[in-house]
Amino acid sequence: MQRDVFDSVSPVDYRYWDERVAYYLSENGFTRSKLAIEEALVCVLYERGVCSEEVYEEVKTACREHVTTDDVYKEEGRIKHDIRAMVNCIREHVSDGAKPYVHLMATSYDIVDSANAMRYRDVVFEVVIPALEDLEKTLIALALREADTVQIGRTHGQHAIPITFGFAMAGYVSRLGNCIINLLRLADELRGKFSGAVGAYNASALFFDDPEVFEREVLGCVGLYPAEHSTQIVPPEPLIRLLSEVVLASGIMANLARDMRSLQRTEIGEVGEEFEADQVGSSTMSQKQNPINFENAESQWKIVLPQMMAILMTELLDQVSEHQRDLTNSASARTYGEMILYAVSTAKRLSRTMQKLVVNRDALSRNLDMQRGLVLAEPLQLILSQQGHPNAHEKVRLLTLEMRRGGYESFMELIAADADLRPYFEKMTPYTRQILADPARYTGLAAQKAKAIAYKWAQKLGFQIK
């Protein structure tokens, strides 16, 4: 009987499933990758004259067309060993003359670890990075479009000094861009092995004078390089580093989502998710337009982070493997793909949402002016200090307290009315007076920095700017 997908326990199967991720990281994808290593082995045996072309073609056809995960699981149920079960399934579909060459000289983890390196490399190159690049392109476009859109900067949840919305987006452009570059490098550093049961090439050295070259040839068929040193398993560190970078990318996306969700609060209202005509925000409060996509992105990060901590703990414990190998990672290693699926799901959701982000310039302007110029306390203090005021910080602090008590329409009005400041005010240049009269002028290099970062990362990642 076919299982209903909604009978699944994990939400990755019934809610967040992704076809492209599943192609590489599902059990079918794992079987496909392991079969590719078995095929590569016999291909090199043929190229070296150990077996005939006919033998290689038989094995290739069996691996590509006949062996299924279902078959392997049924055989594993009988013999209680997953790799030998797969080998038996291949052997069922080849002639007696080809059978001896299937899995010849290989140990299980020559196949498993090489297959894992292959599929995690491929899913990062083919799925994770494209999803992150789509989001990066969207953020670059926002940074450029909103480079000059003035926004109040916030620290500790309080109004600080003005920036631009494009400048805020440029921070995420830079952070996510670095993750993309790191993922490209780290995925390329994943390594396979074909060095036998303890990593010393015992089996292949029986047949070849150059077992390390033989290993490179087998792995080269699937675009891998061998680990510098392996036991029965490859060192765990490259995969730890790769998965750690996936978590970092997820954290950056969660940070972006939290910022956008906060700016979408009713009392702030500076941005908004596009709300479709038939979309419902609440089952009872019809006026609600909830930031569900940003909330979902942060929620998925809450899954990825503790999962990564558990995996890291497992992987770090695996660094202290007993002698040449134990099997204490066999169950936990099967869960690694989930964090990649969540990261891809988050990237795709955020990309769609940010592409349609509504920026409310009226709200941005309203919030900038909310404190009637108090956000210009910093430039006033600096200008007074430059002009020789003996205690500018304390003077401005007292002025801000007076401003909060009321009675003045703007901070500039209070400054101009303060007798102690009149000598300093009279010495101010027209430019500094303009700054103190209009917070929108006090944005430093925000606009230039937003554009520079956006253009830099577009060039670095090879994007075309429209």
Protein backbone atom coordinates (compact mmCIF):
# COMPACT_ATOMS: atom_id res chain seq x y z
CA MET A 1 0.00 0.00 0.00
CA GLN A 2 1.33 3.47 -0.90
CA ARG A 3 1.81 5.64 2.16
CA ASP A 4 -0.12 8.90 2.33
CA VAL A 5 2.38 11.76 2.52
CA PHE A 6 0.31 13.26 5.34
CA ASP A 7 1.05 10.19 7.43
CA SER A 8 4.65 11.39 7.60
CA VAL A 9 5.94 12.47 10.99
CA SER A 10 8.56 14.98 9.87
CA PRO A 11 7.26 18.27 8.36
CA VAL A 12 10.14 18.18 5.89
CA ASP A 13 8.21 15.44 4.12
CA TYR A 14 4.68 16.84 4.06
CA ARG A 15 5.24 20.62 4.22
CA TYR A 16 8.76 21.72 3.31
CA TRP A 17 9.75 19.01 0.83
CA ASP A 18 11.77 20.29 -2.11
CA GLU A 19 12.13 18.25 -5.27
CA ARG A 20 15.64 19.47 -6.08
CA VAL A 21 16.96 18.87 -2.57
CA ALA A 22 15.31 15.45 -2.52
CA TYR A 23 17.02 14.50 -5.79
CA TYR A 24 20.34 14.56 -3.95
CA LEU A 25 19.58 14.04 -0.27
CA SER A 26 16.64 11.62 -0.19
CA GLU A 27 17.26 7.91 0.24
CA ASN A 28 16.77 7.52 -3.51
CA GLY A 29 19.37 10.22 -4.02
CA PHE A 30 21.75 8.45 -1.65
CA THR A 31 21.27 5.16 -3.52
CA ARG A 32 21.89 6.95 -6.81
CA SER A 33 25.13 8.42 -5.50
CA LYS A 34 26.38 5.10 -4.10
CA LEU A 35 25.61 3.38 -7.38
CA ALA A 36 27.59 6.08 -9.18
CA ILE A 37 30.67 5.20 -7.11
CA GLU A 38 30.21 1.47 -7.80
CA GLU A 39 29.93 2.27 -11.51
CA ALA A 40 33.04 4.48 -11.37
CA LEU A 41 35.01 1.61 -9.84
CA VAL A 42 34.20 -0.79 -12.68
CA CYS A 43 34.78 1.94 -15.26
CA VAL A 44 38.36 2.38 -14.03
CA LEU A 45 38.84 -1.39 -13.89
CA TYR A 46 37.87 -1.49 -17.55
CA GLU A 47 40.13 1.45 -18.44
CA ARG A 48 43.01 -0.34 -16.74
CA GLY A 49 42.33 -3.56 -18.61
CA VAL A 50 41.22 -5.54 -15.56
CA CYS A 51 37.78 -6.28 -17.01
CA SER A 52 36.21 -6.06 -20.44
CA GLU A 53 34.10 -3.26 -21.84
CA GLU A 54 31.15 -5.67 -21.86
CA VAL A 55 31.50 -6.14 -18.09
CA TYR A 56 31.58 -2.38 -17.55
CA GLU A 57 28.49 -1.85 -19.73
CA GLU A 58 26.60 -4.52 -17.79
CA VAL A 59 27.43 -2.93 -14.45
CA LYS A 60 26.68 0.58 -15.74
CA THR A 61 23.28 -0.52 -17.04
CA ALA A 62 22.48 -2.30 -13.76
CA CYS A 63 23.44 0.75 -11.70
CA ARG A 64 21.61 3.26 -13.84
CA GLU A 65 18.50 1.38 -14.88
CA HIS A 66 17.74 -1.62 -12.70
CA VAL A 67 18.74 -1.28 -9.05
CA THR A 68 16.17 0.57 -6.92
CA THR A 69 16.19 1.69 -3.32
CA ASP A 70 13.20 -0.52 -2.68
CA ASP A 71 15.15 -3.54 -3.92
CA VAL A 72 18.10 -2.64 -1.73
CA TYR A 73 15.93 -2.26 1.37
CA LYS A 74 14.29 -5.61 0.79
CA GLU A 75 17.69 -7.27 0.45
CA GLU A 76 18.97 -5.42 3.52
CA GLY A 77 16.02 -6.80 5.44
CA ARG A 78 17.26 -10.25 4.57
CA ILE A 79 21.03 -9.90 5.14
CA LYS A 80 21.11 -6.91 7.59
CA HIS A 81 23.83 -4.96 5.76
CA ASP A 82 22.97 -1.98 3.56
CA ILE A 83 26.00 -1.82 1.25
CA ARG A 84 26.27 -5.54 0.72
CA ALA A 85 22.55 -5.51 -0.04
CA MET A 86 23.14 -2.95 -2.79
CA VAL A 87 26.06 -4.99 -4.14
CA ASN A 88 23.85 -8.07 -4.25
CA CYS A 89 21.20 -6.13 -6.16
CA ILE A 90 23.75 -5.04 -8.75
CA ARG A 91 25.01 -8.59 -9.09
CA GLU A 92 21.46 -9.83 -9.73
CA HIS A 93 21.38 -7.81 -12.95
CA VAL A 94 24.75 -8.79 -14.45
CA SER A 95 26.17 -11.98 -15.87
CA ASP A 96 28.32 -14.42 -13.92
CA GLY A 97 31.31 -13.08 -15.79
CA ALA A 98 30.67 -9.56 -14.49
CA LYS A 99 29.81 -10.45 -10.89
CA PRO A 100 33.42 -10.69 -9.60
CA TYR A 101 34.13 -7.07 -10.53
CA VAL A 102 31.22 -5.54 -8.61
CA HIS A 103 32.58 -3.86 -5.44
CA LEU A 104 36.02 -5.37 -6.12
CA MET A 105 38.60 -4.02 -3.60
CA ALA A 106 35.99 -1.71 -2.05
CA THR A 107 34.94 -1.45 1.55
CA SER A 108 31.53 -0.07 2.48
CA TYR A 109 32.71 3.40 3.34
CA ASP A 110 34.73 3.78 0.18
CA ILE A 111 31.25 3.87 -1.29
CA VAL A 112 29.31 5.66 1.48
CA ASP A 113 31.70 8.50 2.26
CA SER A 114 32.48 9.13 -1.39
CA ALA A 115 28.77 9.14 -2.20
CA ASN A 116 28.12 11.59 0.64
CA ALA A 117 30.86 13.92 -0.55
CA MET A 118 29.42 13.75 -4.05
CA ARG A 119 25.81 14.44 -3.13
CA TYR A 120 26.48 17.16 -0.55
CA ARG A 121 28.80 18.89 -2.99
CA ASP A 122 26.20 18.65 -5.74
CA VAL A 123 23.24 19.81 -3.64
CA VAL A 124 25.20 22.85 -2.51
CA PHE A 125 26.34 23.74 -6.04
CA GLU A 126 23.06 22.93 -7.77
CA VAL A 127 20.42 23.92 -5.20
CA VAL A 128 21.67 25.77 -2.10
CA ILE A 129 23.86 28.33 -3.83
CA PRO A 130 21.34 29.13 -6.60
CA ALA A 131 18.64 29.68 -3.94
CA LEU A 132 20.93 31.97 -1.94
CA GLU A 133 22.01 33.77 -5.10
CA ASP A 134 18.38 34.49 -6.00
CA LEU A 135 17.92 36.07 -2.58
CA GLU A 136 21.22 37.93 -2.93
CA LYS A 137 20.12 39.39 -6.28
CA THR A 138 16.89 40.58 -4.69
CA LEU A 139 18.76 42.22 -1.81
CA ILE A 140 21.20 43.89 -4.21
CA ALA A 141 18.28 45.30 -6.20
CA LEU A 142 16.68 46.60 -2.98
CA ALA A 143 19.94 48.12 -1.78
CA LEU A 144 20.29 50.03 -5.04
CA ARG A 145 16.63 51.01 -5.34
CA GLU A 146 16.46 52.27 -1.76
CA ALA A 147 20.02 53.57 -1.43
CA ASP A 148 18.79 57.14 -0.90
CA THR A 149 15.59 56.31 1.03
CA VAL A 150 16.21 57.80 4.46
CA GLN A 151 15.32 55.66 7.47
CA ILE A 152 15.90 56.13 11.16
CA GLY A 153 18.61 53.76 12.37
CA ARG A 154 17.87 51.79 15.50
CA THR A 155 20.06 50.40 18.26
CA HIS A 156 18.68 48.54 21.28
CA GLY A 157 15.24 49.00 19.72
CA GLN A 158 15.56 52.80 20.09
CA HIS A 159 15.88 55.53 17.48
CA ALA A 160 19.58 56.21 16.95
CA ILE A 161 20.68 58.31 13.94
CA PRO A 162 19.54 58.34 10.31
CA ILE A 163 20.69 55.81 7.71
CA THR A 164 19.03 54.73 4.48
CA PHE A 165 16.95 51.64 3.89
CA GLY A 166 19.35 50.65 1.11
CA PHE A 167 22.21 50.82 3.59
CA ALA A 168 20.36 48.40 5.88
CA MET A 169 19.87 46.01 2.94
CA ALA A 170 23.54 46.32 1.94
CA GLY A 171 24.54 44.79 5.27
CA TYR A 172 22.69 41.63 4.34
CA VAL A 173 24.11 41.73 0.82
CA SER A 174 27.61 41.65 2.28
CA ARG A 175 26.92 39.01 4.92
CA LEU A 176 25.06 36.65 2.61
CA GLY A 177 27.58 37.20 -0.18
CA ASN A 178 30.39 36.02 2.06
CA CYS A 179 28.41 32.88 2.91
CA ILE A 180 27.91 32.14 -0.79
CA ILE A 181 31.65 32.46 -1.45
CA ASN A 182 32.46 30.25 1.53
CA LEU A 183 29.93 27.61 0.49
CA LEU A 184 31.43 27.47 -3.00
CA ARG A 185 34.85 26.85 -1.49
CA LEU A 186 33.76 24.44 1.22
CA ALA A 187 31.64 22.30 -1.10
CA ASP A 188 34.62 22.00 -3.41
CA GLU A 189 36.75 20.81 -0.48
CA LEU A 190 34.62 17.76 0.29
CA ARG A 191 36.69 14.64 -0.23
CA GLY A 192 36.05 10.99 -1.00
CA LYS A 193 38.13 7.87 -0.51
CA PHE A 194 38.92 4.55 -2.10
CA SER A 195 41.59 3.41 0.32
CA GLY A 196 40.05 0.27 1.76
CA ALA A 197 38.98 -1.06 5.14
CA VAL A 198 41.47 0.89 7.26
CA GLY A 199 42.61 3.50 4.73
CA ALA A 200 46.00 1.95 4.01
CA TYR A 201 45.16 0.67 0.49
CA ASN A 202 45.63 -2.96 1.55
CA ALA A 203 43.18 -4.35 -1.00
CA SER A 204 44.08 -2.21 -4.03
CA ALA A 205 47.80 -2.68 -3.34
CA LEU A 206 47.29 -6.40 -4.03
CA PHE A 207 46.50 -5.58 -7.65
CA PHE A 208 48.13 -2.25 -8.47
CA ASP A 209 51.53 -0.70 -7.95
CA ASP A 210 49.88 2.73 -7.79
CA PRO A 211 46.83 2.37 -5.52
CA GLU A 212 46.71 6.08 -4.76
CA VAL A 213 46.56 6.85 -8.47
CA PHE A 214 43.85 4.23 -8.81
CA GLU A 215 41.91 5.98 -6.02
CA ARG A 216 42.22 9.33 -7.80
CA GLU A 217 40.98 7.76 -11.03
CA VAL A 218 37.90 6.22 -9.41
CA LEU A 219 36.95 9.41 -7.58
CA GLY A 220 37.79 11.49 -10.63
CA CYS A 221 34.95 9.78 -12.49
CA VAL A 222 32.51 11.65 -10.22
CA GLY A 223 34.55 14.85 -9.92
CA LEU A 224 35.99 14.19 -6.45
CA TYR A 225 39.48 14.27 -5.00
CA PRO A 226 40.68 11.85 -2.32
CA ALA A 227 41.27 12.87 1.27
CA GLU A 228 44.93 13.34 2.10
CA HIS A 229 44.55 10.67 4.77
CA SER A 230 41.62 8.43 5.55
CA THR A 231 40.91 5.48 7.79
CA GLN A 232 37.85 3.47 6.88
CA ILE A 233 36.15 6.86 6.79
CA VAL A 234 37.10 10.31 5.52
CA PRO A 235 37.93 12.98 8.12
CA PRO A 236 34.69 14.62 9.31
CA GLU A 237 35.95 18.20 9.39
CA PRO A 238 35.16 19.27 5.78
CA LEU A 239 31.50 18.33 6.13
CA ILE A 240 31.33 20.01 9.56
CA ARG A 241 32.66 23.22 8.04
CA LEU A 242 30.20 23.05 5.15
CA LEU A 243 27.19 22.42 7.37
CA SER A 244 28.34 25.16 9.75
CA GLU A 245 28.31 27.62 6.86
CA VAL A 246 24.78 26.52 5.99
CA VAL A 247 23.80 27.37 9.57
CA LEU A 248 25.49 30.77 9.31
CA ALA A 249 23.56 31.50 6.12
CA SER A 250 20.35 30.43 7.88
CA GLY A 251 21.14 32.77 10.77
CA ILE A 252 21.67 35.70 8.40
CA MET A 253 18.32 34.97 6.77
CA ALA A 254 16.69 34.75 10.21
CA ASN A 255 18.20 38.12 11.13
CA LEU A 256 16.85 39.65 7.91
CA ALA A 257 13.43 38.12 8.59
CA ARG A 258 13.37 39.46 12.15
CA ASP A 259 14.28 42.97 11.01
CA MET A 260 11.61 42.95 8.31
CA ARG A 261 9.04 41.54 10.72
CA SER A 262 9.84 44.25 13.26
CA LEU A 263 9.56 47.01 10.65
CA GLN A 264 6.16 45.58 9.68
CA ARG A 265 4.68 46.20 13.15
CA THR A 266 1.52 48.30 13.00
CA GLU A 267 3.07 51.20 14.94
CA ILE A 268 6.20 51.20 12.71
CA GLY A 269 4.82 50.18 9.32
CA GLU A 270 7.92 50.94 7.28
CA VAL A 271 7.69 47.81 5.15
CA GLY A 272 5.06 45.21 4.38
CA GLU A 273 4.74 41.80 2.82
CA GLU A 274 2.54 41.70 -0.24
CA PHE A 275 -0.87 40.45 0.83
CA GLU A 276 -2.78 38.56 -1.85
CA ALA A 277 -6.42 39.29 -2.58
CA ASP A 278 -7.72 36.03 -1.09
CA GLN A 279 -5.15 35.77 1.71
CA VAL A 280 -6.42 35.55 5.28
CA GLY A 281 -4.38 36.98 8.16
CA SER A 282 -6.44 35.66 11.05
CA SER A 283 -9.27 33.21 11.58
CA THR A 284 -11.17 35.81 13.57
CA MET A 285 -9.54 39.28 13.18
CA SER A 286 -10.25 40.16 9.58
CA GLN A 287 -8.06 43.26 9.57
CA LYS A 288 -4.86 41.32 10.27
CA GLN A 289 -2.09 41.12 7.66
CA ASN A 290 0.49 39.04 9.50
CA PRO A 291 4.17 38.84 8.44
CA ILE A 292 3.90 35.06 8.03
CA ASN A 293 6.78 34.61 5.59
CA PHE A 294 9.26 36.42 7.79
CA GLU A 295 7.97 34.57 10.84
CA ASN A 296 8.31 31.25 9.02
CA ALA A 297 11.89 32.05 8.02
CA GLU A 298 12.91 32.72 11.61
CA SER A 299 11.01 29.66 12.79
CA GLN A 300 12.91 27.40 10.39
CA TRP A 301 16.19 28.81 11.68
CA LYS A 302 15.13 27.72 15.17
CA ILE A 303 15.03 24.19 13.78
CA VAL A 304 18.32 24.42 11.89
CA LEU A 305 20.37 25.89 14.74
CA PRO A 306 19.70 23.25 17.44
CA GLN A 307 19.83 20.55 14.81
CA MET A 308 23.25 21.79 13.79
CA MET A 309 24.35 21.84 17.41
CA ALA A 310 23.31 18.21 17.74
CA ILE A 311 25.00 17.29 14.48
CA LEU A 312 28.11 19.24 15.42
CA MET A 313 28.23 17.39 18.70
CA THR A 314 27.91 14.10 16.86
CA GLU A 315 30.48 15.08 14.26
CA LEU A 316 32.87 16.41 16.87
CA LEU A 317 32.50 13.20 18.81
CA ASP A 318 33.22 11.39 15.55
CA GLN A 319 36.57 13.15 15.48
CA VAL A 320 37.51 10.80 18.31
CA SER A 321 36.64 7.67 16.36
CA GLU A 322 37.81 4.40 17.84
CA HIS A 323 40.94 3.45 15.96
CA GLN A 324 40.14 3.32 12.26
CA ARG A 325 36.37 3.60 12.59
CA ASP A 326 33.22 2.91 14.57
CA LEU A 327 29.57 3.14 13.49
CA THR A 328 28.19 5.48 16.13
CA ASN A 329 27.29 8.09 13.50
CA SER A 330 25.22 5.77 11.32
CA ALA A 331 21.80 7.03 12.44
CA SER A 332 22.56 10.70 13.08
CA ALA A 333 24.32 11.14 9.74
CA ARG A 334 21.06 10.39 7.98
CA THR A 335 19.53 13.60 9.34
CA TYR A 336 22.10 16.05 7.97
CA GLY A 337 20.12 16.75 4.83
CA GLU A 338 17.21 18.20 6.78
CA MET A 339 19.07 21.40 7.67
CA ILE A 340 19.92 21.93 4.00
CA LEU A 341 16.28 21.49 3.06
CA TYR A 342 15.22 24.06 5.66
CA ALA A 343 17.89 26.50 4.47
CA VAL A 344 16.74 26.16 0.86
CA SER A 345 13.10 26.53 1.88
CA THR A 346 13.93 29.69 3.83
CA ALA A 347 15.98 31.19 1.00
CA LYS A 348 13.25 30.57 -1.56
CA ARG A 349 10.53 31.96 0.70
CA LEU A 350 12.51 35.08 1.58
CA SER A 351 13.46 35.65 -2.05
CA ARG A 352 9.80 35.59 -3.10
CA THR A 353 8.79 37.84 -0.22
CA MET A 354 11.57 40.40 -0.56
CA GLN A 355 10.97 40.70 -4.31
CA LYS A 356 7.47 42.00 -3.51
CA LEU A 357 8.39 43.97 -0.39
CA VAL A 358 6.42 47.19 -0.06
CA VAL A 359 8.49 50.09 1.32
CA ASN A 360 6.28 52.73 2.95
CA ARG A 361 8.11 56.02 2.47
CA ASP A 362 5.48 58.00 4.36
CA ALA A 363 6.00 55.81 7.41
CA LEU A 364 9.76 56.10 7.06
CA SER A 365 9.48 59.88 7.01
CA ARG A 366 6.99 59.92 9.92
CA ASN A 367 9.24 57.76 12.09
CA LEU A 368 12.31 59.81 11.22
CA ASP A 369 10.52 62.95 12.43
CA MET A 370 8.87 61.30 15.44
CA GLN A 371 11.28 62.81 17.97
CA ARG A 372 11.27 66.25 16.34
CA GLY A 373 14.98 66.28 15.68
CA LEU A 374 16.27 64.68 18.88
CA VAL A 375 18.08 62.14 16.74
CA LEU A 376 20.49 64.97 15.87
CA ALA A 377 21.95 65.03 19.37
CA GLU A 378 25.08 63.31 18.06
CA PRO A 379 26.00 65.87 15.38
CA LEU A 380 25.19 68.73 17.75
CA GLN A 381 27.55 67.31 20.35
CA LEU A 382 30.30 66.82 17.77
CA ILE A 383 29.88 70.32 16.32
CA LEU A 384 30.00 71.89 19.77
CA SER A 385 33.08 69.87 20.70
CA GLN A 386 34.82 70.91 17.50
CA GLN A 387 34.05 74.54 18.34
CA GLY A 388 35.62 74.18 21.79
CA HIS A 389 32.66 73.63 24.12
CA PRO A 390 34.15 72.26 27.37
CA ASN A 391 31.43 69.69 28.08
CA ALA A 392 29.40 69.20 24.95
CA HIS A 393 28.10 65.73 25.80
CA GLU A 394 26.56 66.82 29.11
CA LYS A 395 25.16 70.01 27.60
CA VAL A 396 23.42 68.10 24.82
CA ARG A 397 22.16 65.44 27.24
CA LEU A 398 20.48 68.14 29.32
CA LEU A 399 19.02 69.67 26.20
CA THR A 400 17.48 66.32 25.21
CA LEU A 401 15.85 66.05 28.64
CA GLU A 402 14.41 69.54 28.24
CA MET A 403 13.17 68.66 24.76
CA ARG A 404 11.38 65.60 26.11
CA ARG A 405 9.59 67.73 28.71
CA GLY A 406 7.92 69.59 25.83
CA GLY A 407 7.40 73.18 24.86
CA TYR A 408 9.41 73.21 21.67
CA GLU A 409 8.32 72.23 18.17
CA SER A 410 11.78 71.01 17.18
CA PHE A 411 15.22 70.34 18.60
CA MET A 412 16.55 73.10 16.35
CA GLU A 413 14.16 75.59 17.97
CA LEU A 414 15.46 74.61 21.40
CA ILE A 415 19.08 74.95 20.29
CA ALA A 416 18.47 78.37 18.82
CA ALA A 417 16.71 79.51 22.00
CA ASP A 418 19.48 78.39 24.38
CA ALA A 419 21.48 81.43 25.46
CA ASP A 420 24.59 79.43 26.35
CA LEU A 421 24.71 78.00 22.83
CA ARG A 422 24.15 81.28 21.00
CA PRO A 423 27.89 81.99 20.52
CA TYR A 424 28.41 78.50 19.16
CA PHE A 425 25.28 78.64 17.04
CA GLU A 426 26.40 81.91 15.46
CA LYS A 427 29.73 80.31 14.44
CA MET A 428 28.06 77.34 12.72
CA THR A 429 28.35 77.13 8.97
CA PRO A 430 25.25 77.05 6.76
CA TYR A 431 25.96 73.36 6.16
CA THR A 432 25.99 72.42 9.85
CA ARG A 433 22.83 74.46 10.42
CA GLN A 434 21.15 72.58 7.59
CA ILE A 435 22.17 69.29 9.19
CA LEU A 436 20.71 70.31 12.55
CA ALA A 437 17.51 71.49 10.87
CA ASP A 438 16.87 68.32 8.89
CA PRO A 439 17.68 64.77 10.10
CA ALA A 440 17.40 63.49 6.51
CA ARG A 441 20.64 65.28 5.71
CA TYR A 442 22.58 63.44 8.43
CA THR A 443 23.08 60.05 6.77
CA GLY A 444 26.85 60.00 6.42
CA LEU A 445 27.98 57.62 3.69
CA ALA A 446 24.88 55.41 3.93
CA ALA A 447 23.76 55.92 0.33
CA GLN A 448 27.25 55.66 -1.15
CA LYS A 449 28.05 52.59 0.94
CA ALA A 450 24.81 50.88 -0.09
CA LYS A 451 25.58 51.37 -3.78
CA ALA A 452 29.24 50.41 -3.46
CA ILE A 453 28.48 47.16 -1.64
CA ALA A 454 25.67 46.27 -4.01
CA TYR A 455 27.84 46.80 -7.09
CA LYS A 456 30.79 45.00 -5.52
CA TRP A 457 28.84 41.83 -4.78
CA ALA A 458 27.02 41.89 -8.09
CA GLN A 459 30.39 41.95 -9.83
CA LYS A 460 31.95 39.38 -7.51
CA LEU A 461 29.11 36.89 -8.05
CA GLY A 462 28.71 37.64 -11.74
CA PHE A 463 25.22 39.17 -11.58
CA GLN A 464 23.87 41.53 -14.21
CA ILE A 465 22.48 44.75 -12.76
CA LYS A 466 19.30 45.87 -14.51
